[in-house]
Protein backbone atom coordinates (compact mmCIF):
# COMPACT_ATOMS: atom_id res chain seq x y z
CA LEU A 1 0.00 0.00 0.00
CA TYR A 2 1.37 3.39 -0.93
CA SER A 3 0.39 6.81 -2.17
CA ARG A 4 2.23 7.67 -5.33
CA GLU A 5 2.85 10.98 -6.99
CA GLU A 6 4.08 11.77 -10.48
CA VAL A 7 6.86 14.35 -10.24
CA THR A 8 9.21 16.20 -12.54
CA ALA A 9 12.85 15.42 -11.96
CA GLU A 10 15.74 17.77 -12.50
CA ARG A 11 17.15 17.13 -15.98
CA GLY A 12 20.01 14.65 -15.86
CA GLU A 13 19.20 13.28 -12.40
CA ASN A 14 18.84 9.67 -13.62
CA LEU A 15 16.58 8.60 -10.75
CA ALA A 16 16.70 4.83 -10.35
CA LEU A 17 14.11 2.70 -8.61
CA GLY A 18 14.48 3.11 -4.84
CA THR A 19 16.35 6.43 -4.89
CA VAL A 20 15.55 8.67 -1.91
CA VAL A 21 14.64 12.15 -3.17
CA GLY A 22 14.14 15.72 -2.04
CA ARG A 23 12.45 18.68 -3.72
CA ASP A 24 14.39 21.79 -4.70
CA SER A 25 12.32 24.66 -3.28
CA GLU A 26 13.54 27.07 -5.98
CA THR A 27 12.89 24.96 -9.09
CA LYS A 28 10.27 22.58 -7.57
CA PHE A 29 12.09 19.72 -9.33
CA ILE A 30 12.81 16.42 -7.61
CA ARG A 31 16.46 15.56 -7.08
CA LYS A 32 18.42 12.80 -5.43
CA LEU A 33 18.68 13.48 -1.72
CA ASP A 34 21.52 16.00 -1.49
CA LEU A 35 22.75 16.39 2.07
CA ALA A 36 24.87 19.43 1.19
CA ALA A 37 22.01 21.34 -0.45
CA LYS A 38 20.39 24.39 1.12
CA THR A 39 17.40 24.50 -1.25
CA GLY A 40 15.20 21.77 0.22
CA ALA A 41 16.80 18.88 -1.67
CA GLN A 42 18.47 17.91 1.62
CA ILE A 43 15.08 16.93 3.09
CA ALA A 44 13.85 13.41 2.24
CA ILE A 45 10.31 13.55 0.83
CA GLY A 46 9.97 10.16 -0.85
CA ALA A 47 11.53 7.34 -2.83
CA VAL A 48 11.33 6.54 -6.52
CA ILE A 49 8.94 3.68 -7.33
CA MET A 50 8.97 4.12 -11.11
CA PRO A 51 12.27 5.17 -12.69
CA GLN A 52 12.68 8.52 -14.43
CA ASP A 53 11.55 8.74 -18.05
CA VAL A 54 14.46 10.49 -19.75
CA LYS A 55 12.20 11.87 -22.49
CA ASN A 56 10.05 14.01 -20.22
CA ASN A 57 11.90 13.87 -16.87
CA LYS A 58 8.85 12.40 -15.12
CA ALA A 59 9.20 9.90 -12.30
CA VAL A 60 6.81 8.39 -9.79
CA ILE A 61 7.62 8.48 -6.08
CA ALA A 62 6.12 7.03 -2.93
CA ALA A 63 5.18 10.36 -1.40
CA ARG A 64 3.29 9.31 1.72
CA THR A 65 1.72 6.31 3.41
CA ALA A 66 4.10 3.63 2.17
CA ILE A 67 6.12 0.71 3.48
CA LEU A 68 9.45 0.22 1.72
CA ALA A 69 12.04 -2.57 2.07
CA ASP A 70 15.39 -1.32 3.36
CA HIS A 71 17.40 -3.33 0.82
CA ALA A 72 15.60 -1.57 -2.05
CA ILE A 73 16.46 1.96 -0.91
CA ILE A 74 19.28 3.88 -2.61
CA TRP A 75 20.93 6.40 -0.28
CA PRO A 76 23.56 8.98 -1.20
CA ALA A 77 26.98 7.35 -1.31
CA ASN A 78 28.43 9.57 1.42
CA ILE A 79 25.54 9.37 3.91
CA THR A 80 26.42 8.74 7.56
CA GLU A 81 24.29 6.62 9.90
CA GLU A 82 23.18 9.79 11.70
CA GLN A 83 22.16 11.46 8.43
CA LYS A 84 20.37 8.29 7.34
CA GLN A 85 18.43 8.21 10.60
CA THR A 86 17.43 11.85 10.10
CA ALA A 87 16.23 11.08 6.56
CA ILE A 88 14.30 8.03 7.81
CA GLU A 89 12.59 10.25 10.40
CA GLN A 90 11.73 12.77 7.67
CA LEU A 91 10.17 9.98 5.61
CA GLU A 92 8.31 8.65 8.65
CA GLY A 93 6.85 12.12 9.10
CA ARG A 94 5.22 11.62 5.68
CA GLY A 95 3.99 8.15 6.61
CA ILE A 96 6.76 6.35 4.71
CA ILE A 97 8.15 3.52 6.78
CA ILE A 98 11.31 1.60 5.94
CA ARG A 99 11.26 -2.00 7.13
CA LYS A 100 13.86 -4.74 7.17
CA GLY A 101 13.27 -6.70 3.97
CA VAL A 102 13.80 -10.39 3.40
């Protein structure tokens, strides 16, 4: 069970299935979670559940009320455990729960 949302990704983002994303508050485009950003893209708002269409930059994300398997989530390469926990809490605030998958 999940609530999906079609979104427009920043051109060239190449959002793969499971990628944790944030929304740039200036452009309103979805981007990979960027922990160094100061534009909103550093706040986890969902995870990609249908990969980005490179023709129109559309992707589908689990935006709220979802249960996701931890092994299917793609985090930024440089994320620390503390940053990951913060992002998980941000997702939980939207009703997105990450569970240990089998």
